PDB file of N, CA and C in Angstrom:
ATOM      1  N   MET A   1      94.953  27.600 150.630  1.00  0.00           N
ATOM      2  CA  MET A   1      94.683  26.213 150.322  1.00  0.00           C
ATOM      3  C   MET A   1      93.903  25.615 151.483  1.00  0.00           C
ATOM      4  N   ARG A   2      92.906  24.809 151.165  1.00  0.00           N
ATOM      5  CA  ARG A   2      92.141  24.117 152.193  1.00  0.00           C
ATOM      6  C   ARG A   2      92.327  22.622 151.991  1.00  0.00           C
ATOM      7  N   THR A   3      92.864  21.983 153.000  1.00  0.00           N
ATOM      8  CA  THR A   3      93.066  20.545 152.962  1.00  0.00           C
ATOM      9  C   THR A   3      93.041  20.015 154.384  1.00  0.00           C
ATOM     10  N   ARG A   4      92.770  18.751 154.511  1.00  0.00           N
ATOM     11  CA  ARG A   4      92.775  18.090 155.816  1.00  0.00           C
ATOM     12  C   ARG A   4      94.029  17.256 156.006  1.00  0.00           C
ATOM     13  N   ASP A   5      94.917  17.293 155.035  1.00  0.00           N
ATOM     14  CA  ASP A   5      96.093  16.424 155.049  1.00  0.00           C
ATOM     15  C   ASP A   5      97.356  17.240 155.329  1.00  0.00           C
ATOM     16  N   ILE A   6      97.808  17.218 156.580  1.00  0.00           N
ATOM     17  CA  ILE A   6      98.997  17.989 156.957  1.00  0.00           C
ATOM     18  C   ILE A   6     100.244  17.477 156.243  1.00  0.00           C
ATOM     19  N   PHE A   7     100.252  16.204 155.880  1.00  0.00           N
ATOM     20  CA  PHE A   7     101.410  15.650 155.176  1.00  0.00           C
ATOM     21  C   PHE A   7     101.497  16.190 153.752  1.00  0.00           C
ATOM     22  N   TYR A   8     100.352  16.440 153.140  1.00  0.00           N
ATOM     23  CA  TYR A   8     100.322  17.073 151.818  1.00  0.00           C
ATOM     24  C   TYR A   8     100.892  18.485 151.917  1.00  0.00           C
ATOM     25  N   VAL A   9     100.479  19.229 152.935  1.00  0.00           N
ATOM     26  CA  VAL A   9     100.981  20.588 153.133  1.00  0.00           C
ATOM     27  C   VAL A   9     102.489  20.561 153.366  1.00  0.00           C
ATOM     28  N   LYS A  10     102.956  19.618 154.168  1.00  0.00           N
ATOM     29  CA  LYS A  10     104.392  19.461 154.426  1.00  0.00           C
ATOM     30  C   LYS A  10     105.152  19.279 153.125  1.00  0.00           C
ATOM     31  N   ARG A  11     104.641  18.423 152.267  1.00  0.00           N
ATOM     32  CA  ARG A  11     105.300  18.135 150.996  1.00  0.00           C
ATOM     33  C   ARG A  11     105.287  19.365 150.082  1.00  0.00           C
ATOM     34  N   ILE A  12     104.149  20.059 150.004  1.00  0.00           N
ATOM     35  CA  ILE A  12     104.028  21.245 149.158  1.00  0.00           C
ATOM     36  C   ILE A  12     104.978  22.352 149.622  1.00  0.00           C
ATOM     37  N   LEU A  13     105.096  22.545 150.941  1.00  0.00           N
ATOM     38  CA  LEU A  13     105.968  23.583 151.478  1.00  0.00           C
ATOM     39  C   LEU A  13     107.443  23.185 151.462  1.00  0.00           C
ATOM     40  N   GLY A  14     107.723  21.901 151.226  1.00  0.00           N
ATOM     41  CA  GLY A  14     109.110  21.447 151.158  1.00  0.00           C
ATOM     42  C   GLY A  14     109.777  21.290 152.506  1.00  0.00           C
ATOM     43  N   HIS A  15     108.976  21.109 153.545  1.00  0.00           N
ATOM     44  CA  HIS A  15     109.535  20.951 154.889  1.00  0.00           C
ATOM     45  C   HIS A  15     110.069  19.542 155.085  1.00  0.00           C
ATOM     46  N   LYS A  16     111.145  19.434 155.818  1.00  0.00           N
ATOM     47  CA  LYS A  16     111.695  18.129 156.163  1.00  0.00           C
ATOM     48  C   LYS A  16     111.124  17.611 157.469  1.00  0.00           C
ATOM     49  N   ASN A  17     110.631  18.514 158.309  1.00  0.00           N
ATOM     50  CA  ASN A  17     110.122  18.138 159.628  1.00  0.00           C
ATOM     51  C   ASN A  17     108.686  18.628 159.763  1.00  0.00           C
ATOM     52  N   ILE A  18     107.802  17.761 160.197  1.00  0.00           N
ATOM     53  CA  ILE A  18     106.383  18.098 160.342  1.00  0.00           C
ATOM     54  C   ILE A  18     106.176  19.238 161.339  1.00  0.00           C
ATOM     55  N   LYS A  19     107.093  19.399 162.293  1.00  0.00           N
ATOM     56  CA  LYS A  19     106.982  20.484 163.272  1.00  0.00           C
ATOM     57  C   LYS A  19     107.020  21.850 162.586  1.00  0.00           C
ATOM     58  N   ASN A  20     107.808  21.979 161.526  1.00  0.00           N
ATOM     59  CA  ASN A  20     107.857  23.236 160.782  1.00  0.00           C
ATOM     60  C   ASN A  20     106.530  23.517 160.098  1.00  0.00           C
ATOM     61  N   THR A  21     105.888  22.497 159.592  1.00  0.00           N
ATOM     62  CA  THR A  21     104.611  22.652 158.909  1.00  0.00           C
ATOM     63  C   THR A  21     103.524  23.077 159.881  1.00  0.00           C
ATOM     64  N   GLU A  22     103.561  22.550 161.090  1.00  0.00           N
ATOM     65  CA  GLU A  22     102.539  22.864 162.083  1.00  0.00           C
ATOM     66  C   GLU A  22     102.453  24.361 162.375  1.00  0.00           C
ATOM     67  N   ILE A  23     103.538  25.083 162.160  1.00  0.00           N
ATOM     68  CA  ILE A  23     103.549  26.527 162.376  1.00  0.00           C
ATOM     69  C   ILE A  23     102.561  27.210 161.423  1.00  0.00           C
ATOM     70  N   TYR A  24     102.436  26.685 160.213  1.00  0.00           N
ATOM     71  CA  TYR A  24     101.642  27.321 159.166  1.00  0.00           C
ATOM     72  C   TYR A  24     100.230  26.766 159.032  1.00  0.00           C
ATOM     73  N   VAL A  25      99.929  25.730 159.777  1.00  0.00           N
ATOM     74  CA  VAL A  25      98.637  25.066 159.629  1.00  0.00           C
ATOM     75  C   VAL A  25      97.649  25.612 160.649  1.00  0.00           C
ATOM     76  N   ASN A  26      96.485  25.972 160.172  1.00  0.00           N
ATOM     77  CA  ASN A  26      95.403  26.403 161.046  1.00  0.00           C
ATOM     78  C   ASN A  26      94.510  25.193 161.276  1.00  0.00           C
ATOM     79  N   ILE A  27      94.546  24.659 162.479  1.00  0.00           N
ATOM     80  CA  ILE A  27      93.758  23.477 162.793  1.00  0.00           C
ATOM     81  C   ILE A  27      92.308  23.898 162.988  1.00  0.00           C
ATOM     82  N   VAL A  28      91.408  23.250 162.241  1.00  0.00           N
ATOM     83  CA  VAL A  28      89.981  23.545 162.347  1.00  0.00           C
ATOM     84  C   VAL A  28      89.246  22.272 162.711  1.00  0.00           C
ATOM     85  N   GLY A  29      88.081  22.426 163.287  1.00  0.00           N
ATOM     86  CA  GLY A  29      87.285  21.269 163.676  1.00  0.00           C
ATOM     87  C   GLY A  29      86.590  20.644 162.475  1.00  0.00           C
ATOM     88  N   PHE A  30      86.667  19.345 162.361  1.00  0.00           N
ATOM     89  CA  PHE A  30      85.979  18.582 161.340  1.00  0.00           C
ATOM     90  C   PHE A  30      85.106  17.559 162.037  1.00  0.00           C
ATOM     91  N   ASP A  31      84.238  16.924 161.287  1.00  0.00           N
ATOM     92  CA  ASP A  31      83.424  15.859 161.853  1.00  0.00           C
ATOM     93  C   ASP A  31      84.323  14.801 162.467  1.00  0.00           C
ATOM     94  N   ASP A  32      83.831  14.151 163.523  1.00  0.00           N
ATOM     95  CA  ASP A  32      84.640  13.141 164.202  1.00  0.00           C
ATOM     96  C   ASP A  32      85.135  12.057 163.267  1.00  0.00           C
ATOM     97  N   ASN A  33      84.351  11.704 162.264  1.00  0.00           N
ATOM     98  CA  ASN A  33      84.784  10.633 161.365  1.00  0.00           C
ATOM     99  C   ASN A  33      85.878  11.106 160.414  1.00  0.00           C
ATOM    100  N   GLU A  34      86.214  12.387 160.426  1.00  0.00           N
ATOM    101  CA  GLU A  34      87.273  12.919 159.575  1.00  0.00           C
ATOM    102  C   GLU A  34      88.573  13.152 160.334  1.00  0.00           C
ATOM    103  N   ASN A  35      88.588  12.917 161.628  1.00  0.00           N
ATOM    104  CA  ASN A  35      89.781  13.177 162.432  1.00  0.00           C
ATOM    105  C   ASN A  35      90.747  12.002 162.389  1.00  0.00           C
ATOM    106  N   TYR A  36      92.032  12.341 162.422  1.00  0.00           N
ATOM    107  CA  TYR A  36      93.074  11.330 162.380  1.00  0.00           C
ATOM    108  C   TYR A  36      94.020  11.488 163.558  1.00  0.00           C
ATOM    109  N   VAL A  37      94.637  10.394 163.933  1.00  0.00           N
ATOM    110  CA  VAL A  37      95.759  10.395 164.854  1.00  0.00           C
ATOM    111  C   VAL A  37      96.983  10.196 163.976  1.00  0.00           C
ATOM    112  N   CYS A  38      97.978  11.070 164.103  1.00  0.00           N
ATOM    113  CA  CYS A  38      99.178  11.011 163.263  1.00  0.00           C
ATOM    114  C   CYS A  38     100.394  10.690 164.120  1.00  0.00           C
ATOM    115  N   ARG A  39     101.281   9.900 163.562  1.00  0.00           N
ATOM    116  CA  ARG A  39     102.514   9.520 164.246  1.00  0.00           C
ATOM    117  C   ARG A  39     103.659   9.496 163.242  1.00  0.00           C
ATOM    118  N   VAL A  40     104.876   9.729 163.761  1.00  0.00           N
ATOM    119  CA  VAL A  40     106.086   9.647 162.960  1.00  0.00           C
ATOM    120  C   VAL A  40     106.934   8.524 163.533  1.00  0.00           C
ATOM    121  N   ALA A  41     107.455   7.671 162.657  1.00  0.00           N
ATOM    122  CA  ALA A  41     108.305   6.559 163.088  1.00  0.00           C
ATOM    123  C   ALA A  41     109.672   6.686 162.418  1.00  0.00           C
ATOM    124  N   ALA A  42     110.726   6.570 163.221  1.00  0.00           N
ATOM    125  CA  ALA A  42     112.081   6.695 162.696  1.00  0.00           C
ATOM    126  C   ALA A  42     112.820   5.354 162.652  1.00  0.00           C
ATOM    127  N   THR A  43     112.316   4.367 163.392  1.00  0.00           N
ATOM    128  CA  THR A  43     112.993   3.069 163.423  1.00  0.00           C
ATOM    129  C   THR A  43     112.066   1.983 162.879  1.00  0.00           C
ATOM    130  N   LYS A  44     112.662   0.877 162.525  1.00  0.00           N
ATOM    131  CA  LYS A  44     111.893  -0.259 162.030  1.00  0.00           C
ATOM    132  C   LYS A  44     110.904  -0.742 163.089  1.00  0.00           C
ATOM    133  N   GLU A  45     111.337  -0.785 164.337  1.00  0.00           N
ATOM    134  CA  GLU A  45     110.473  -1.244 165.421  1.00  0.00           C
ATOM    135  C   GLU A  45     109.263  -0.326 165.595  1.00  0.00           C
ATOM    136  N   GLU A  46     109.490   0.989 165.495  1.00  0.00           N
ATOM    137  CA  GLU A  46     108.377   1.940 165.601  1.00  0.00           C
ATOM    138  C   GLU A  46     107.391   1.755 164.443  1.00  0.00           C
ATOM    139  N   ARG A  47     107.902   1.529 163.238  1.00  0.00           N
ATOM    140  CA  ARG A  47     107.029   1.320 162.071  1.00  0.00           C
ATOM    141  C   ARG A  47     106.186   0.062 162.243  1.00  0.00           C
ATOM    142  N   ILE A  48     106.811  -1.002 162.689  1.00  0.00           N
ATOM    143  CA  ILE A  48     106.083  -2.257 162.909  1.00  0.00           C
ATOM    144  C   ILE A  48     104.993  -2.065 163.961  1.00  0.00           C
ATOM    145  N   SER A  49     105.334  -1.379 165.039  1.00  0.00           N
ATOM    146  CA  SER A  49     104.375  -1.139 166.115  1.00  0.00           C
ATOM    147  C   SER A  49     103.168  -0.342 165.615  1.00  0.00           C
ATOM    148  N   LEU A  50     103.406   0.693 164.817  1.00  0.00           N
ATOM    149  CA  LEU A  50     102.310   1.503 164.301  1.00  0.00           C
ATOM    150  C   LEU A  50     101.436   0.720 163.331  1.00  0.00           C
ATOM    151  N   ILE A  51     102.049  -0.057 162.479  1.00  0.00           N
ATOM    152  CA  ILE A  51     101.269  -0.884 161.532  1.00  0.00           C
ATOM    153  C   ILE A  51     100.419  -1.888 162.291  1.00  0.00           C
ATOM    154  N   GLU A  52     100.992  -2.516 163.309  1.00  0.00           N
ATOM    155  CA  GLU A  52     100.232  -3.470 164.118  1.00  0.00           C
ATOM    156  C   GLU A  52      99.087  -2.792 164.866  1.00  0.00           C
ATOM    157  N   ALA A  53      99.228  -1.491 165.154  1.00  0.00           N
ATOM    158  CA  ALA A  53      98.188  -0.742 165.863  1.00  0.00           C
ATOM    159  C   ALA A  53      97.133  -0.192 164.899  1.00  0.00           C
ATOM    160  N   GLY A  54      97.261  -0.498 163.606  1.00  0.00           N
ATOM    161  CA  GLY A  54      96.247  -0.087 162.643  1.00  0.00           C
ATOM    162  C   GLY A  54      96.529   1.210 161.903  1.00  0.00           C
ATOM    163  N   PHE A  55      97.738   1.743 162.028  1.00  0.00           N
ATOM    164  CA  PHE A  55      98.088   2.967 161.317  1.00  0.00           C
ATOM    165  C   PHE A  55      98.412   2.645 159.860  1.00  0.00           C
ATOM    166  N   ASN A  56      98.165   3.617 158.989  1.00  0.00           N
ATOM    167  CA  ASN A  56      98.469   3.496 157.569  1.00  0.00           C
ATOM    168  C   ASN A  56      99.589   4.454 157.208  1.00  0.00           C
ATOM    169  N   LEU A  57     100.493   3.998 156.347  1.00  0.00           N
ATOM    170  CA  LEU A  57     101.594   4.831 155.893  1.00  0.00           C
ATOM    171  C   LEU A  57     101.055   5.932 154.985  1.00  0.00           C
ATOM    172  N   VAL A  58     101.464   7.165 155.262  1.00  0.00           N
ATOM    173  CA  VAL A  58     101.071   8.298 154.440  1.00  0.00           C
ATOM    174  C   VAL A  58     102.231   8.702 153.540  1.00  0.00           C
ATOM    175  N   GLU A  59     103.423   8.787 154.130  1.00  0.00           N
ATOM    176  CA  GLU A  59     104.588   9.249 153.376  1.00  0.00           C
ATOM    177  C   GLU A  59     105.848   8.770 154.068  1.00  0.00           C
ATOM    178  N   ALA A  60     106.850   8.427 153.281  1.00  0.00           N
ATOM    179  CA  ALA A  60     108.168   8.098 153.815  1.00  0.00           C
ATOM    180  C   ALA A  60     109.136   9.143 153.290  1.00  0.00           C
ATOM    181  N   ASP A  61     109.871   9.769 154.203  1.00  0.00           N
ATOM    182  CA  ASP A  61     110.808  10.821 153.837  1.00  0.00           C
ATOM    183  C   ASP A  61     112.122  10.525 154.535  1.00  0.00           C
ATOM    184  N   GLY A  62     112.983   9.794 153.857  1.00  0.00           N
ATOM    185  CA  GLY A  62     114.246   9.394 154.473  1.00  0.00           C
ATOM    186  C   GLY A  62     113.995   8.449 155.625  1.00  0.00           C
ATOM    187  N   ASP A  63     114.513   8.798 156.782  1.00  0.00           N
ATOM    188  CA  ASP A  63     114.337   7.963 157.974  1.00  0.00           C
ATOM    189  C   ASP A  63     113.008   8.198 158.678  1.00  0.00           C
ATOM    190  N   GLU A  64     112.307   9.263 158.319  1.00  0.00           N
ATOM    191  CA  GLU A  64     111.021   9.549 158.955  1.00  0.00           C
ATOM    192  C   GLU A  64     109.881   9.006 158.101  1.00  0.00           C
ATOM    193  N   TRP A  65     109.060   8.177 158.715  1.00  0.00           N
ATOM    194  CA  TRP A  65     107.880   7.622 158.047  1.00  0.00           C
ATOM    195  C   TRP A  65     106.663   8.178 158.775  1.00  0.00           C
ATOM    196  N   TYR A  66     105.700   8.690 158.008  1.00  0.00           N
ATOM    197  CA  TYR A  66     104.520   9.333 158.571  1.00  0.00           C
ATOM    198  C   TYR A  66     103.316   8.416 158.428  1.00  0.00           C
ATOM    199  N   PHE A  67     102.634   8.200 159.551  1.00  0.00           N
ATOM    200  CA  PHE A  67     101.484   7.309 159.609  1.00  0.00           C
ATOM    201  C   PHE A  67     100.267   8.062 160.145  1.00  0.00           C
ATOM    202  N   ARG A  68      99.083   7.551 159.804  1.00  0.00           N
ATOM    203  CA  ARG A  68      97.870   8.078 160.401  1.00  0.00           C
ATOM    204  C   ARG A  68      96.809   6.986 160.436  1.00  0.00           C
ATOM    205  N   LYS A  69      95.835   7.180 161.329  1.00  0.00           N
ATOM    206  CA  LYS A  69      94.666   6.321 161.358  1.00  0.00           C
ATOM    207  C   LYS A  69      93.511   7.159 161.872  1.00  0.00           C
ATOM    208  N   ARG A  70      92.324   6.769 161.488  1.00  0.00           N
ATOM    209  CA  ARG A  70      91.135   7.499 161.932  1.00  0.00           C
ATOM    210  C   ARG A  70      90.942   7.298 163.426  1.00  0.00           C
ATOM    211  N   LYS A  71      90.482   8.357 164.079  1.00  0.00           N
ATOM    212  CA  LYS A  71      90.196   8.262 165.514  1.00  0.00           C
ATOM    213  C   LYS A  71      89.022   7.347 165.761  1.00  0.00           C
TER     214      LYS A  71
END
């Protein structure tokens, strides 16, 4: 499978933790406008901080919320 969305891969593989998914992902270089900064927030304060910093919610999985924004 070829995708640029590690959160999609996480969901397809059924992983609960993004660290497990990173084991299986081959990171390749893409154009600079395609690169993202990814963050995980576990608390309300962390989520608010990321949203205020311009991050977009990708997926919420229980207490872990996954955000990303373009570099």
